Amino acid sequence: MKKLIDCQYWKEYQGMNGWLMFCSAGAFAKKFQVDEAEKIGCTKEQRATCKKTMEINMGYSLLPEIVEADASQKKEKVKDAVTAPGKSA
């Protein structure tokens, strides 16, 4: 069966009480930067469609958080990557 929403994070399966349809990125509290979200098709319009589908199907919805890219966070990640685990800087 073709999926209702074409997305790598969209899951659909037949449960004991009917169909379950949900966004696995939202279910696992995934965060996407704006450019990454647009690249995978997680636009404002698509998110509204996903939200409506989940609310009709399950009564609630969980969507991934979209965050702005922050330069200071990128610098911290690079700084943390320099030191190996278990080694002091």
PDB file of N, CA and C in Angstrom:
ATOM      1  N   MET A   1       0.832  -1.181   0.000  1.00  0.00           N
ATOM      2  CA  MET A   1       0.000   0.000   0.000  1.00  0.00           C
ATOM      3  C   MET A   1       0.882   1.251   0.000  1.00  0.00           C
ATOM      4  N   LYS A   2       0.509   2.222  -0.781  1.00  0.00           N
ATOM      5  CA  LYS A   2       1.247   3.472  -0.848  1.00  0.00           C
ATOM      6  C   LYS A   2       0.986   4.295   0.408  1.00  0.00           C
ATOM      7  N   LYS A   3       2.060   4.893   0.956  1.00  0.00           N
ATOM      8  CA  LYS A   3       1.906   5.701   2.154  1.00  0.00           C
ATOM      9  C   LYS A   3       1.085   6.958   1.858  1.00  0.00           C
ATOM     10  N   LEU A   4       0.317   7.387   2.826  1.00  0.00           N
ATOM     11  CA  LEU A   4      -0.516   8.574   2.698  1.00  0.00           C
ATOM     12  C   LEU A   4       0.337   9.836   2.563  1.00  0.00           C
ATOM     13  N   ILE A   5       1.434   9.892   3.321  1.00  0.00           N
ATOM     14  CA  ILE A   5       2.353  11.031   3.271  1.00  0.00           C
ATOM     15  C   ILE A   5       3.731  10.502   2.887  1.00  0.00           C
ATOM     16  N   ASP A   6       4.304  11.068   1.835  1.00  0.00           N
ATOM     17  CA  ASP A   6       5.592  10.604   1.318  1.00  0.00           C
ATOM     18  C   ASP A   6       6.731  11.297   2.070  1.00  0.00           C
ATOM     19  N   CYS A   7       7.214  10.643   3.125  1.00  0.00           N
ATOM     20  CA  CYS A   7       8.292  11.194   3.952  1.00  0.00           C
ATOM     21  C   CYS A   7       9.015  10.030   4.614  1.00  0.00           C
ATOM     22  N   GLN A   8      10.324  10.151   4.768  1.00  0.00           N
ATOM     23  CA  GLN A   8      11.092   9.072   5.378  1.00  0.00           C
ATOM     24  C   GLN A   8      10.751   8.873   6.856  1.00  0.00           C
ATOM     25  N   TYR A   9      10.211   9.902   7.512  1.00  0.00           N
ATOM     26  CA  TYR A   9       9.870   9.809   8.922  1.00  0.00           C
ATOM     27  C   TYR A   9       8.412   9.426   9.168  1.00  0.00           C
ATOM     28  N   TRP A  10       7.586   9.360   8.119  1.00  0.00           N
ATOM     29  CA  TRP A  10       6.173   9.038   8.266  1.00  0.00           C
ATOM     30  C   TRP A  10       5.999   7.528   8.358  1.00  0.00           C
ATOM     31  N   LYS A  11       5.312   7.079   9.402  1.00  0.00           N
ATOM     32  CA  LYS A  11       5.090   5.650   9.618  1.00  0.00           C
ATOM     33  C   LYS A  11       3.595   5.357   9.599  1.00  0.00           C
ATOM     34  N   GLU A  12       3.239   4.258   8.956  1.00  0.00           N
ATOM     35  CA  GLU A  12       1.849   3.793   8.899  1.00  0.00           C
ATOM     36  C   GLU A  12       1.853   2.286   9.074  1.00  0.00           C
ATOM     37  N   TYR A  13       0.989   1.806   9.933  1.00  0.00           N
ATOM     38  CA  TYR A  13       0.829   0.361  10.032  1.00  0.00           C
ATOM     39  C   TYR A  13      -0.535   0.027  10.616  1.00  0.00           C
ATOM     40  N   GLN A  14      -0.963  -1.191  10.339  1.00  0.00           N
ATOM     41  CA  GLN A  14      -2.253  -1.681  10.804  1.00  0.00           C
ATOM     42  C   GLN A  14      -2.083  -2.252  12.206  1.00  0.00           C
ATOM     43  N   GLY A  15      -2.756  -1.647  13.172  1.00  0.00           N
ATOM     44  CA  GLY A  15      -2.729  -2.141  14.548  1.00  0.00           C
ATOM     45  C   GLY A  15      -3.993  -2.934  14.841  1.00  0.00           C
ATOM     46  N   MET A  16      -4.136  -3.373  16.060  1.00  0.00           N
ATOM     47  CA  MET A  16      -5.319  -4.151  16.442  1.00  0.00           C
ATOM     48  C   MET A  16      -6.594  -3.317  16.354  1.00  0.00           C
ATOM     49  N   ASN A  17      -6.479  -2.015  16.588  1.00  0.00           N
ATOM     50  CA  ASN A  17      -7.654  -1.143  16.586  1.00  0.00           C
ATOM     51  C   ASN A  17      -7.729  -0.255  15.348  1.00  0.00           C
ATOM     52  N   GLY A  18      -7.042  -0.612  14.305  1.00  0.00           N
ATOM     53  CA  GLY A  18      -7.075   0.171  13.075  1.00  0.00           C
ATOM     54  C   GLY A  18      -5.700   0.695  12.713  1.00  0.00           C
ATOM     55  N   TRP A  19      -5.682   1.616  11.780  1.00  0.00           N
ATOM     56  CA  TRP A  19      -4.430   2.157  11.272  1.00  0.00           C
ATOM     57  C   TRP A  19      -3.787   3.130  12.253  1.00  0.00           C
ATOM     58  N   LEU A  20      -2.467   3.065  12.357  1.00  0.00           N
ATOM     59  CA  LEU A  20      -1.685   4.039  13.111  1.00  0.00           C
ATOM     60  C   LEU A  20      -0.837   4.808  12.113  1.00  0.00           C
ATOM     61  N   MET A  21      -0.877   6.112  12.202  1.00  0.00           N
ATOM     62  CA  MET A  21      -0.108   6.974  11.304  1.00  0.00           C
ATOM     63  C   MET A  21       0.532   8.062  12.150  1.00  0.00           C
ATOM     64  N   PHE A  22       1.868   8.166  12.047  1.00  0.00           N
ATOM     65  CA  PHE A  22       2.555   9.167  12.862  1.00  0.00           C
ATOM     66  C   PHE A  22       3.902   9.540  12.268  1.00  0.00           C
ATOM     67  N   CYS A  23       4.429  10.649  12.744  1.00  0.00           N
ATOM     68  CA  CYS A  23       5.745  11.134  12.346  1.00  0.00           C
ATOM     69  C   CYS A  23       6.753  10.631  13.372  1.00  0.00           C
ATOM     70  N   SER A  24       7.664   9.765  12.958  1.00  0.00           N
ATOM     71  CA  SER A  24       8.644   9.220  13.896  1.00  0.00           C
ATOM     72  C   SER A  24       9.633  10.282  14.366  1.00  0.00           C
ATOM     73  N   ALA A  25       9.876  11.300  13.563  1.00  0.00           N
ATOM     74  CA  ALA A  25      10.763  12.388  13.991  1.00  0.00           C
ATOM     75  C   ALA A  25      10.130  13.146  15.156  1.00  0.00           C
ATOM     76  N   GLY A  26       8.841  13.371  15.087  1.00  0.00           N
ATOM     77  CA  GLY A  26       8.135  14.024  16.186  1.00  0.00           C
ATOM     78  C   GLY A  26       8.032  13.119  17.400  1.00  0.00           C
ATOM     79  N   ALA A  27       7.800  11.836  17.181  1.00  0.00           N
ATOM     80  CA  ALA A  27       7.662  10.884  18.277  1.00  0.00           C
ATOM     81  C   ALA A  27       8.941  10.782  19.099  1.00  0.00           C
ATOM     82  N   PHE A  28      10.090  10.956  18.450  1.00  0.00           N
ATOM     83  CA  PHE A  28      11.370  10.875  19.151  1.00  0.00           C
ATOM     84  C   PHE A  28      11.994  12.247  19.394  1.00  0.00           C
ATOM     85  N   ALA A  29      11.165  13.308  19.346  1.00  0.00           N
ATOM     86  CA  ALA A  29      11.572  14.688  19.664  1.00  0.00           C
ATOM     87  C   ALA A  29      12.809  15.129  18.878  1.00  0.00           C
ATOM     88  N   LYS A  30      12.836  14.818  17.601  1.00  0.00           N
ATOM     89  CA  LYS A  30      13.949  15.215  16.741  1.00  0.00           C
ATOM     90  C   LYS A  30      13.879  16.710  16.448  1.00  0.00           C
ATOM     91  N   LYS A  31      15.034  17.345  16.341  1.00  0.00           N
ATOM     92  CA  LYS A  31      15.108  18.768  15.997  1.00  0.00           C
ATOM     93  C   LYS A  31      15.787  18.906  14.644  1.00  0.00           C
ATOM     94  N   PHE A  32      15.190  19.730  13.784  1.00  0.00           N
ATOM     95  CA  PHE A  32      15.760  20.006  12.467  1.00  0.00           C
ATOM     96  C   PHE A  32      16.046  21.484  12.349  1.00  0.00           C
ATOM     97  N   GLN A  33      17.153  21.817  11.705  1.00  0.00           N
ATOM     98  CA  GLN A  33      17.398  23.214  11.366  1.00  0.00           C
ATOM     99  C   GLN A  33      16.519  23.547  10.169  1.00  0.00           C
ATOM    100  N   VAL A  34      16.235  24.822   9.985  1.00  0.00           N
ATOM    101  CA  VAL A  34      15.301  25.271   8.953  1.00  0.00           C
ATOM    102  C   VAL A  34      15.688  24.736   7.576  1.00  0.00           C
ATOM    103  N   ASP A  35      16.943  24.872   7.195  1.00  0.00           N
ATOM    104  CA  ASP A  35      17.369  24.422   5.864  1.00  0.00           C
ATOM    105  C   ASP A  35      17.274  22.902   5.717  1.00  0.00           C
ATOM    106  N   GLU A  36      17.588  22.177   6.774  1.00  0.00           N
ATOM    107  CA  GLU A  36      17.490  20.714   6.742  1.00  0.00           C
ATOM    108  C   GLU A  36      16.032  20.273   6.607  1.00  0.00           C
ATOM    109  N   ALA A  37      15.147  20.944   7.340  1.00  0.00           N
ATOM    110  CA  ALA A  37      13.717  20.614   7.286  1.00  0.00           C
ATOM    111  C   ALA A  37      13.151  20.849   5.886  1.00  0.00           C
ATOM    112  N   GLU A  38      13.502  21.964   5.282  1.00  0.00           N
ATOM    113  CA  GLU A  38      13.025  22.261   3.925  1.00  0.00           C
ATOM    114  C   GLU A  38      13.562  21.243   2.925  1.00  0.00           C
ATOM    115  N   LYS A  39      14.796  20.810   3.131  1.00  0.00           N
ATOM    116  CA  LYS A  39      15.414  19.852   2.213  1.00  0.00           C
ATOM    117  C   LYS A  39      14.690  18.504   2.223  1.00  0.00           C
ATOM    118  N   ILE A  40      14.195  18.088   3.392  1.00  0.00           N
ATOM    119  CA  ILE A  40      13.501  16.802   3.473  1.00  0.00           C
ATOM    120  C   ILE A  40      11.997  16.949   3.248  1.00  0.00           C
ATOM    121  N   GLY A  41      11.530  18.187   3.015  1.00  0.00           N
ATOM    122  CA  GLY A  41      10.119  18.414   2.706  1.00  0.00           C
ATOM    123  C   GLY A  41       9.252  18.729   3.907  1.00  0.00           C
ATOM    124  N   CYS A  42       9.870  19.025   5.040  1.00  0.00           N
ATOM    125  CA  CYS A  42       9.127  19.339   6.263  1.00  0.00           C
ATOM    126  C   CYS A  42       8.837  20.852   6.293  1.00  0.00           C
ATOM    127  N   THR A  43       8.004  21.281   5.348  1.00  0.00           N
ATOM    128  CA  THR A  43       7.651  22.695   5.242  1.00  0.00           C
ATOM    129  C   THR A  43       6.463  23.004   6.153  1.00  0.00           C
ATOM    130  N   LYS A  44       6.143  24.265   6.292  1.00  0.00           N
ATOM    131  CA  LYS A  44       5.024  24.683   7.129  1.00  0.00           C
ATOM    132  C   LYS A  44       3.716  24.039   6.645  1.00  0.00           C
ATOM    133  N   GLU A  45       3.522  24.021   5.339  1.00  0.00           N
ATOM    134  CA  GLU A  45       2.304  23.440   4.770  1.00  0.00           C
ATOM    135  C   GLU A  45       2.248  21.927   5.001  1.00  0.00           C
ATOM    136  N   GLN A  46       3.382  21.254   4.793  1.00  0.00           N
ATOM    137  CA  GLN A  46       3.427  19.800   4.992  1.00  0.00           C
ATOM    138  C   GLN A  46       3.225  19.451   6.455  1.00  0.00           C
ATOM    139  N   ARG A  47       3.804  20.243   7.351  1.00  0.00           N
ATOM    140  CA  ARG A  47       3.637  20.005   8.783  1.00  0.00           C
ATOM    141  C   ARG A  47       2.171  20.128   9.185  1.00  0.00           C
ATOM    142  N   ALA A  48       1.452  21.079   8.581  1.00  0.00           N
ATOM    143  CA  ALA A  48       0.022  21.242   8.868  1.00  0.00           C
ATOM    144  C   ALA A  48      -0.758  20.008   8.417  1.00  0.00           C
ATOM    145  N   THR A  49      -0.400  19.473   7.254  1.00  0.00           N
ATOM    146  CA  THR A  49      -1.052  18.262   6.748  1.00  0.00           C
ATOM    147  C   THR A  49      -0.777  17.070   7.664  1.00  0.00           C
ATOM    148  N   CYS A  50       0.472  16.919   8.082  1.00  0.00           N
ATOM    149  CA  CYS A  50       0.843  15.818   8.971  1.00  0.00           C
ATOM    150  C   CYS A  50       0.122  15.937  10.317  1.00  0.00           C
ATOM    151  N   LYS A  51       0.099  17.143  10.852  1.00  0.00           N
ATOM    152  CA  LYS A  51      -0.571  17.391  12.130  1.00  0.00           C
ATOM    153  C   LYS A  51      -2.051  17.033  12.056  1.00  0.00           C
ATOM    154  N   LYS A  52      -2.712  17.472  11.012  1.00  0.00           N
ATOM    155  CA  LYS A  52      -4.138  17.200  10.843  1.00  0.00           C
ATOM    156  C   LYS A  52      -4.391  15.696  10.716  1.00  0.00           C
ATOM    157  N   THR A  53      -3.560  15.008   9.944  1.00  0.00           N
ATOM    158  CA  THR A  53      -3.712  13.564   9.740  1.00  0.00           C
ATOM    159  C   THR A  53      -3.545  12.806  11.054  1.00  0.00           C
ATOM    160  N   MET A  54      -2.533  13.176  11.836  1.00  0.00           N
ATOM    161  CA  MET A  54      -2.315  12.500  13.115  1.00  0.00           C
ATOM    162  C   MET A  54      -3.454  12.775  14.090  1.00  0.00           C
ATOM    163  N   GLU A  55      -3.934  14.013  14.129  1.00  0.00           N
ATOM    164  CA  GLU A  55      -5.011  14.357  15.061  1.00  0.00           C
ATOM    165  C   GLU A  55      -6.310  13.637  14.700  1.00  0.00           C
ATOM    166  N   ILE A  56      -6.587  13.495  13.426  1.00  0.00           N
ATOM    167  CA  ILE A  56      -7.785  12.761  13.000  1.00  0.00           C
ATOM    168  C   ILE A  56      -7.640  11.279  13.328  1.00  0.00           C
ATOM    169  N   ASN A  57      -6.427  10.747  13.111  1.00  0.00           N
ATOM    170  CA  ASN A  57      -6.192   9.318  13.283  1.00  0.00           C
ATOM    171  C   ASN A  57      -6.033   8.900  14.736  1.00  0.00           C
ATOM    172  N   MET A  58      -5.251   9.666  15.529  1.00  0.00           N
ATOM    173  CA  MET A  58      -4.934   9.258  16.896  1.00  0.00           C
ATOM    174  C   MET A  58      -5.472  10.201  17.971  1.00  0.00           C
ATOM    175  N   GLY A  59      -5.903  11.390  17.580  1.00  0.00           N
ATOM    176  CA  GLY A  59      -6.416  12.337  18.559  1.00  0.00           C
ATOM    177  C   GLY A  59      -5.389  13.343  19.046  1.00  0.00           C
ATOM    178  N   TYR A  60      -4.136  13.177  18.677  1.00  0.00           N
ATOM    179  CA  TYR A  60      -3.073  14.127  19.028  1.00  0.00           C
ATOM    180  C   TYR A  60      -1.974  14.044  17.984  1.00  0.00           C
ATOM    181  N   SER A  61      -1.030  14.975  18.054  1.00  0.00           N
ATOM    182  CA  SER A  61       0.068  14.951  17.085  1.00  0.00           C
ATOM    183  C   SER A  61       1.364  15.387  17.748  1.00  0.00           C
ATOM    184  N   LEU A  62       2.463  14.851  17.262  1.00  0.00           N
ATOM    185  CA  LEU A  62       3.803  15.235  17.692  1.00  0.00           C
ATOM    186  C   LEU A  62       4.618  15.515  16.441  1.00  0.00           C
ATOM    187  N   LEU A  63       5.125  16.730  16.344  1.00  0.00           N
ATOM    188  CA  LEU A  63       5.918  17.126  15.182  1.00  0.00           C
ATOM    189  C   LEU A  63       7.342  17.446  15.620  1.00  0.00           C
ATOM    190  N   PRO A  64       8.314  17.274  14.723  1.00  0.00           N
ATOM    191  CA  PRO A  64       9.685  17.645  15.075  1.00  0.00           C
ATOM    192  C   PRO A  64       9.810  19.153  15.246  1.00  0.00           C
ATOM    193  N   GLU A  65      10.725  19.553  16.100  1.00  0.00           N
ATOM    194  CA  GLU A  65      10.956  20.981  16.336  1.00  0.00           C
ATOM    195  C   GLU A  65      11.860  21.539  15.235  1.00  0.00           C
ATOM    196  N   ILE A  66      11.501  22.712  14.723  1.00  0.00           N
ATOM    197  CA  ILE A  66      12.323  23.388  13.718  1.00  0.00           C
ATOM    198  C   ILE A  66      13.054  24.526  14.422  1.00  0.00           C
ATOM    199  N   VAL A  67      14.380  24.509  14.364  1.00  0.00           N
ATOM    200  CA  VAL A  67      15.192  25.509  15.056  1.00  0.00           C
ATOM    201  C   VAL A  67      16.032  26.294  14.059  1.00  0.00           C
ATOM    202  N   GLU A  68      16.348  27.496  14.435  1.00  0.00           N
ATOM    203  CA  GLU A  68      17.234  28.333  13.627  1.00  0.00           C
ATOM    204  C   GLU A  68      18.674  27.870  13.836  1.00  0.00           C
ATOM    205  N   ALA A  69      19.484  27.960  12.805  1.00  0.00           N
ATOM    206  CA  ALA A  69      20.900  27.608  12.916  1.00  0.00           C
ATOM    207  C   ALA A  69      21.596  28.649  13.778  1.00  0.00           C
ATOM    208  N   ASP A  70      22.371  28.188  14.752  1.00  0.00           N
ATOM    209  CA  ASP A  70      23.059  29.089  15.668  1.00  0.00           C
ATOM    210  C   ASP A  70      24.567  28.859  15.533  1.00  0.00           C
ATOM    211  N   ALA A  71      25.295  29.888  15.196  1.00  0.00           N
ATOM    212  CA  ALA A  71      26.738  29.770  14.971  1.00  0.00           C
ATOM    213  C   ALA A  71      27.472  29.358  16.241  1.00  0.00           C
ATOM    214  N   SER A  72      27.026  29.813  17.400  1.00  0.00           N
ATOM    215  CA  SER A  72      27.722  29.479  18.646  1.00  0.00           C
ATOM    216  C   SER A  72      27.610  27.989  18.959  1.00  0.00           C
ATOM    217  N   GLN A  73      26.481  27.362  18.623  1.00  0.00           N
ATOM    218  CA  GLN A  73      26.333  25.934  18.856  1.00  0.00           C
ATOM    219  C   GLN A  73      27.274  25.135  17.969  1.00  0.00           C
ATOM    220  N   LYS A  74      27.465  25.589  16.739  1.00  0.00           N
ATOM    221  CA  LYS A  74      28.369  24.895  15.824  1.00  0.00           C
ATOM    222  C   LYS A  74      29.794  24.935  16.362  1.00  0.00           C
ATOM    223  N   LYS A  75      30.227  26.085  16.906  1.00  0.00           N
ATOM    224  CA  LYS A  75      31.570  26.208  17.454  1.00  0.00           C
ATOM    225  C   LYS A  75      31.757  25.279  18.648  1.00  0.00           C
ATOM    226  N   GLU A  76      30.735  25.161  19.501  1.00  0.00           N
ATOM    227  CA  GLU A  76      30.831  24.276  20.657  1.00  0.00           C
ATOM    228  C   GLU A  76      30.976  22.830  20.223  1.00  0.00           C
ATOM    229  N   LYS A  77      30.258  22.412  19.188  1.00  0.00           N
ATOM    230  CA  LYS A  77      30.345  21.041  18.708  1.00  0.00           C
ATOM    231  C   LYS A  77      31.750  20.736  18.212  1.00  0.00           C
ATOM    232  N   VAL A  78      32.348  21.670  17.490  1.00  0.00           N
ATOM    233  CA  VAL A  78      33.704  21.481  16.983  1.00  0.00           C
ATOM    234  C   VAL A  78      34.678  21.409  18.154  1.00  0.00           C
ATOM    235  N   LYS A  79      34.520  22.265  19.142  1.00  0.00           N
ATOM    236  CA  LYS A  79      35.392  22.278  20.309  1.00  0.00           C
ATOM    237  C   LYS A  79      35.295  20.949  21.061  1.00  0.00           C
ATOM    238  N   ASP A  80      34.078  20.422  21.232  1.00  0.00           N
ATOM    239  CA  ASP A  80      33.885  19.154  21.928  1.00  0.00           C
ATOM    240  C   ASP A  80      34.476  17.989  21.139  1.00  0.00           C
ATOM    241  N   ALA A  81      34.477  18.068  19.835  1.00  0.00           N
ATOM    242  CA  ALA A  81      34.971  16.979  18.999  1.00  0.00           C
ATOM    243  C   ALA A  81      36.493  16.861  19.041  1.00  0.00           C
ATOM    244  N   VAL A  82      37.178  17.927  19.440  1.00  0.00           N
ATOM    245  CA  VAL A  82      38.637  17.931  19.444  1.00  0.00           C
ATOM    246  C   VAL A  82      39.196  17.013  20.521  1.00  0.00           C
ATOM    247  N   THR A  83      38.577  17.008  21.686  1.00  0.00           N
ATOM    248  CA  THR A  83      39.075  16.155  22.772  1.00  0.00           C
ATOM    249  C   THR A  83      38.441  14.772  22.677  1.00  0.00           C
ATOM    250  N   ALA A  84      39.255  13.755  22.850  1.00  0.00           N
ATOM    251  CA  ALA A  84      38.772  12.386  22.803  1.00  0.00           C
ATOM    252  C   ALA A  84      38.119  12.032  24.139  1.00  0.00           C
ATOM    253  N   PRO A  85      37.145  11.139  24.109  1.00  0.00           N
ATOM    254  CA  PRO A  85      36.504  10.733  25.366  1.00  0.00           C
ATOM    255  C   PRO A  85      37.519  10.134  26.334  1.00  0.00           C
ATOM    256  N   GLY A  86      37.433  10.535  27.596  1.00  0.00           N
ATOM    257  CA  GLY A  86      38.338   9.995  28.606  1.00  0.00           C
ATOM    258  C   GLY A  86      39.662  10.720  28.681  1.00  0.00           C
ATOM    259  N   LYS A  87      39.916  11.635  27.785  1.00  0.00           N
ATOM    260  CA  LYS A  87      41.174  12.399  27.777  1.00  0.00           C
ATOM    261  C   LYS A  87      40.883  13.825  28.197  1.00  0.00           C
ATOM    262  N   SER A  88      41.711  14.378  29.030  1.00  0.00           N
ATOM    263  CA  SER A  88      41.515  15.782  29.418  1.00  0.00           C
ATOM    264  C   SER A  88      42.179  16.682  28.390  1.00  0.00           C
ATOM    265  N   ALA A  89      41.614  17.884  28.241  1.00  0.00           N
ATOM    266  CA  ALA A  89      42.131  18.819  27.231  1.00  0.00           C
ATOM    267  C   ALA A  89      43.370  19.525  27.701  1.00  0.00           C
TER     268      ALA A  89
END
